[in-house]
């Protein structure tokens, strides 16, 4: 799980930059269209949760304790909820929200795997 967390943590950090640029574009499009959607702002929150969750995964990948994985589950869960709740016309936000759910499940499996190892 340590190598998987390393790879996924780096992937989260790289993808967060991509998501934030997409969110900025969606925010500008929402403003120009004056449609009242907040999908650009929600995408920014998802990107921040991806960034922070990726950093947490990198920092705690070698830890024997469960706190880092629990924190990552919470961060990715918040990102997924924000993304699904406010996706609107920014349909890529749903994809990033599903990615957040997958990452939360991987961290949950990491916790469950530590229980079996004990």
C-alpha atoms as a PDB file:
ATOM      1  CA  UNK A   1       0.000   0.000   0.000  1.00  0.00           C
ATOM      2  CA  UNK A   2       2.962   2.332   0.554  1.00  0.00           C
ATOM      3  CA  UNK A   3       3.877   2.434  -3.132  1.00  0.00           C
ATOM      4  CA  UNK A   4       0.241   2.848  -4.161  1.00  0.00           C
ATOM      5  CA  UNK A   5      -0.167   5.771  -1.768  1.00  0.00           C
ATOM      6  CA  UNK A   6       3.022   7.342  -3.135  1.00  0.00           C
ATOM      7  CA  UNK A   7       1.816   7.090  -6.728  1.00  0.00           C
ATOM      8  CA  UNK A   8      -1.717   8.240  -5.936  1.00  0.00           C
ATOM      9  CA  UNK A   9      -0.454  11.115  -3.785  1.00  0.00           C
ATOM     10  CA  UNK A  10       1.705  12.404  -6.632  1.00  0.00           C
ATOM     11  CA  UNK A  11      -1.170  11.892  -9.091  1.00  0.00           C
ATOM     12  CA  UNK A  12      -3.503  13.878  -6.810  1.00  0.00           C
ATOM     13  CA  UNK A  13      -1.080  16.781  -6.639  1.00  0.00           C
ATOM     14  CA  UNK A  14      -0.603  16.860 -10.413  1.00  0.00           C
ATOM     15  CA  UNK A  15      -4.327  16.506 -11.134  1.00  0.00           C
ATOM     16  CA  UNK A  16      -5.212  19.232  -8.648  1.00  0.00           C
ATOM     17  CA  UNK A  17      -3.393  21.759 -10.850  1.00  0.00           C
ATOM     18  CA  UNK A  18      -5.370  20.536 -13.869  1.00  0.00           C
ATOM     19  CA  UNK A  19      -8.672  20.683 -11.964  1.00  0.00           C
ATOM     20  CA  UNK A  20      -8.004  24.211 -10.702  1.00  0.00           C
ATOM     21  CA  UNK A  21      -7.372  25.475 -14.236  1.00  0.00           C
ATOM     22  CA  UNK A  22     -10.555  23.800 -15.455  1.00  0.00           C
ATOM     23  CA  UNK A  23     -12.445  25.320 -12.540  1.00  0.00           C
ATOM     24  CA  UNK A  24     -11.172  28.784 -13.342  1.00  0.00           C
ATOM     25  CA  UNK A  25     -12.365  28.369 -16.922  1.00  0.00           C
ATOM     26  CA  UNK A  26     -15.749  27.099 -15.736  1.00  0.00           C
ATOM     27  CA  UNK A  27     -16.033  30.008 -13.298  1.00  0.00           C
ATOM     28  CA  UNK A  28     -15.343  32.511 -16.070  1.00  0.00           C
ATOM     29  CA  UNK A  29     -17.890  30.773 -18.305  1.00  0.00           C
ATOM     30  CA  UNK A  30     -20.479  30.844 -15.503  1.00  0.00           C
ATOM     31  CA  UNK A  31     -19.845  34.542 -14.941  1.00  0.00           C
ATOM     32  CA  UNK A  32     -20.080  35.426 -18.637  1.00  0.00           C
ATOM     33  CA  UNK A  33     -23.238  33.356 -19.060  1.00  0.00           C
ATOM     34  CA  UNK A  34     -24.734  34.856 -15.883  1.00  0.00           C
ATOM     35  CA  UNK A  35     -26.398  31.512 -15.161  1.00  0.00           C
ATOM     36  CA  UNK A  36     -25.950  31.665 -11.380  1.00  0.00           C
ATOM     37  CA  UNK A  37     -24.034  28.393 -11.175  1.00  0.00           C
ATOM     38  CA  UNK A  38     -21.173  27.933  -8.734  1.00  0.00           C
ATOM     39  CA  UNK A  39     -19.510  24.963 -10.414  1.00  0.00           C
ATOM     40  CA  UNK A  40     -16.257  26.886 -10.896  1.00  0.00           C
ATOM     41  CA  UNK A  41     -15.984  27.631  -7.195  1.00  0.00           C
ATOM     42  CA  UNK A  42     -16.927  24.063  -6.295  1.00  0.00           C
ATOM     43  CA  UNK A  43     -14.237  22.819  -8.663  1.00  0.00           C
ATOM     44  CA  UNK A  44     -11.711  24.972  -6.841  1.00  0.00           C
ATOM     45  CA  UNK A  45     -12.726  23.361  -3.551  1.00  0.00           C
ATOM     46  CA  UNK A  46     -12.402  19.895  -5.120  1.00  0.00           C
ATOM     47  CA  UNK A  47      -8.944  20.815  -6.422  1.00  0.00           C
ATOM     48  CA  UNK A  48      -7.861  22.004  -2.968  1.00  0.00           C
ATOM     49  CA  UNK A  49      -9.157  18.790  -1.395  1.00  0.00           C
ATOM     50  CA  UNK A  50      -7.253  16.754  -4.000  1.00  0.00           C
ATOM     51  CA  UNK A  51      -4.084  18.729  -3.294  1.00  0.00           C
ATOM     52  CA  UNK A  52      -4.313  18.472   0.489  1.00  0.00           C
ATOM     53  CA  UNK A  53      -5.421  14.831   0.369  1.00  0.00           C
ATOM     54  CA  UNK A  54      -2.500  13.988  -1.909  1.00  0.00           C
ATOM     55  CA  UNK A  55      -0.080  15.689   0.456  1.00  0.00           C
ATOM     56  CA  UNK A  56      -1.571  13.782   3.401  1.00  0.00           C
ATOM     57  CA  UNK A  57      -1.223  10.500   1.504  1.00  0.00           C
ATOM     58  CA  UNK A  58       2.415  11.266   0.712  1.00  0.00           C
ATOM     59  CA  UNK A  59       3.259  12.365   4.223  1.00  0.00           C
ATOM     60  CA  UNK A  60       1.636   9.416   5.988  1.00  0.00           C
ATOM     61  CA  UNK A  61       2.285   6.584   3.538  1.00  0.00           C
ATOM     62  CA  UNK A  62       4.854   4.917   5.831  1.00  0.00           C
ATOM     63  CA  UNK A  63       2.903   5.499   9.029  1.00  0.00           C
ATOM     64  CA  UNK A  64       1.639   2.493  10.946  1.00  0.00           C
ATOM     65  CA  UNK A  65      -1.170   4.563  12.466  1.00  0.00           C
ATOM     66  CA  UNK A  66      -4.570   5.182  10.892  1.00  0.00           C
ATOM     67  CA  UNK A  67      -4.865   8.950  11.369  1.00  0.00           C
ATOM     68  CA  UNK A  68      -3.475   9.912   7.968  1.00  0.00           C
ATOM     69  CA  UNK A  69      -5.814   7.584   6.128  1.00  0.00           C
ATOM     70  CA  UNK A  70      -8.787   8.840   8.135  1.00  0.00           C
ATOM     71  CA  UNK A  71      -7.855  12.441   7.337  1.00  0.00           C
ATOM     72  CA  UNK A  72      -7.541  11.579   3.647  1.00  0.00           C
ATOM     73  CA  UNK A  73     -10.954   9.876   3.665  1.00  0.00           C
ATOM     74  CA  UNK A  74     -12.514  12.999   5.157  1.00  0.00           C
ATOM     75  CA  UNK A  75     -10.773  15.332   2.685  1.00  0.00           C
ATOM     76  CA  UNK A  76     -11.682  13.259  -0.353  1.00  0.00           C
ATOM     77  CA  UNK A  77     -15.228  12.826   0.973  1.00  0.00           C
ATOM     78  CA  UNK A  78     -15.656  16.595   1.281  1.00  0.00           C
ATOM     79  CA  UNK A  79     -14.305  17.020  -2.237  1.00  0.00           C
ATOM     80  CA  UNK A  80     -16.704  14.417  -3.622  1.00  0.00           C
ATOM     81  CA  UNK A  81     -19.736  15.917  -1.878  1.00  0.00           C
ATOM     82  CA  UNK A  82     -18.881  19.442  -3.037  1.00  0.00           C
ATOM     83  CA  UNK A  83     -18.300  18.226  -6.580  1.00  0.00           C
ATOM     84  CA  UNK A  84     -21.499  16.229  -6.921  1.00  0.00           C
ATOM     85  CA  UNK A  85     -23.649  18.844  -5.210  1.00  0.00           C
ATOM     86  CA  UNK A  86     -22.500  21.761  -7.372  1.00  0.00           C
ATOM     87  CA  UNK A  87     -21.438  20.246 -10.705  1.00  0.00           C
ATOM     88  CA  UNK A  88     -24.037  22.045 -12.820  1.00  0.00           C
ATOM     89  CA  UNK A  89     -22.855  22.456 -16.407  1.00  0.00           C
ATOM     90  CA  UNK A  90     -19.232  21.684 -15.455  1.00  0.00           C
ATOM     91  CA  UNK A  91     -19.621  17.952 -16.162  1.00  0.00           C
ATOM     92  CA  UNK A  92     -15.921  17.171 -15.624  1.00  0.00           C
ATOM     93  CA  UNK A  93     -16.470  17.973 -11.972  1.00  0.00           C
ATOM     94  CA  UNK A  94     -18.472  14.758 -11.675  1.00  0.00           C
ATOM     95  CA  UNK A  95     -15.455  12.826 -12.946  1.00  0.00           C
ATOM     96  CA  UNK A  96     -13.182  14.421 -10.339  1.00  0.00           C
ATOM     97  CA  UNK A  97     -15.779  13.686  -7.669  1.00  0.00           C
ATOM     98  CA  UNK A  98     -15.811  10.005  -8.629  1.00  0.00           C
ATOM     99  CA  UNK A  99     -11.989  10.066  -8.470  1.00  0.00           C
ATOM    100  CA  UNK A 100     -12.253  11.487  -4.938  1.00  0.00           C
ATOM    101  CA  UNK A 101     -14.599   8.654  -3.953  1.00  0.00           C
ATOM    102  CA  UNK A 102     -12.181   6.069  -5.371  1.00  0.00           C
ATOM    103  CA  UNK A 103      -9.336   7.622  -3.369  1.00  0.00           C
ATOM    104  CA  UNK A 104     -11.450   7.602  -0.204  1.00  0.00           C
ATOM    105  CA  UNK A 105     -12.240   3.910  -0.750  1.00  0.00           C
ATOM    106  CA  UNK A 106      -8.547   3.110  -1.269  1.00  0.00           C
ATOM    107  CA  UNK A 107      -7.720   4.832   2.010  1.00  0.00           C
ATOM    108  CA  UNK A 108     -10.539   2.933   3.717  1.00  0.00           C
ATOM    109  CA  UNK A 109      -9.135  -0.336   2.386  1.00  0.00           C
ATOM    110  CA  UNK A 110      -5.757   0.724   3.716  1.00  0.00           C
ATOM    111  CA  UNK A 111      -7.256   1.047   7.197  1.00  0.00           C
ATOM    112  CA  UNK A 112      -9.050  -2.287   6.915  1.00  0.00           C
ATOM    113  CA  UNK A 113      -5.847  -3.934   5.703  1.00  0.00           C
ATOM    114  CA  UNK A 114      -4.003  -2.660   8.775  1.00  0.00           C
ATOM    115  CA  UNK A 115      -6.654  -4.204  11.026  1.00  0.00           C
ATOM    116  CA  UNK A 116      -6.156  -7.635   9.415  1.00  0.00           C
ATOM    117  CA  UNK A 117      -2.389  -7.358   9.737  1.00  0.00           C
ATOM    118  CA  UNK A 118      -2.643  -6.798  13.504  1.00  0.00           C
END
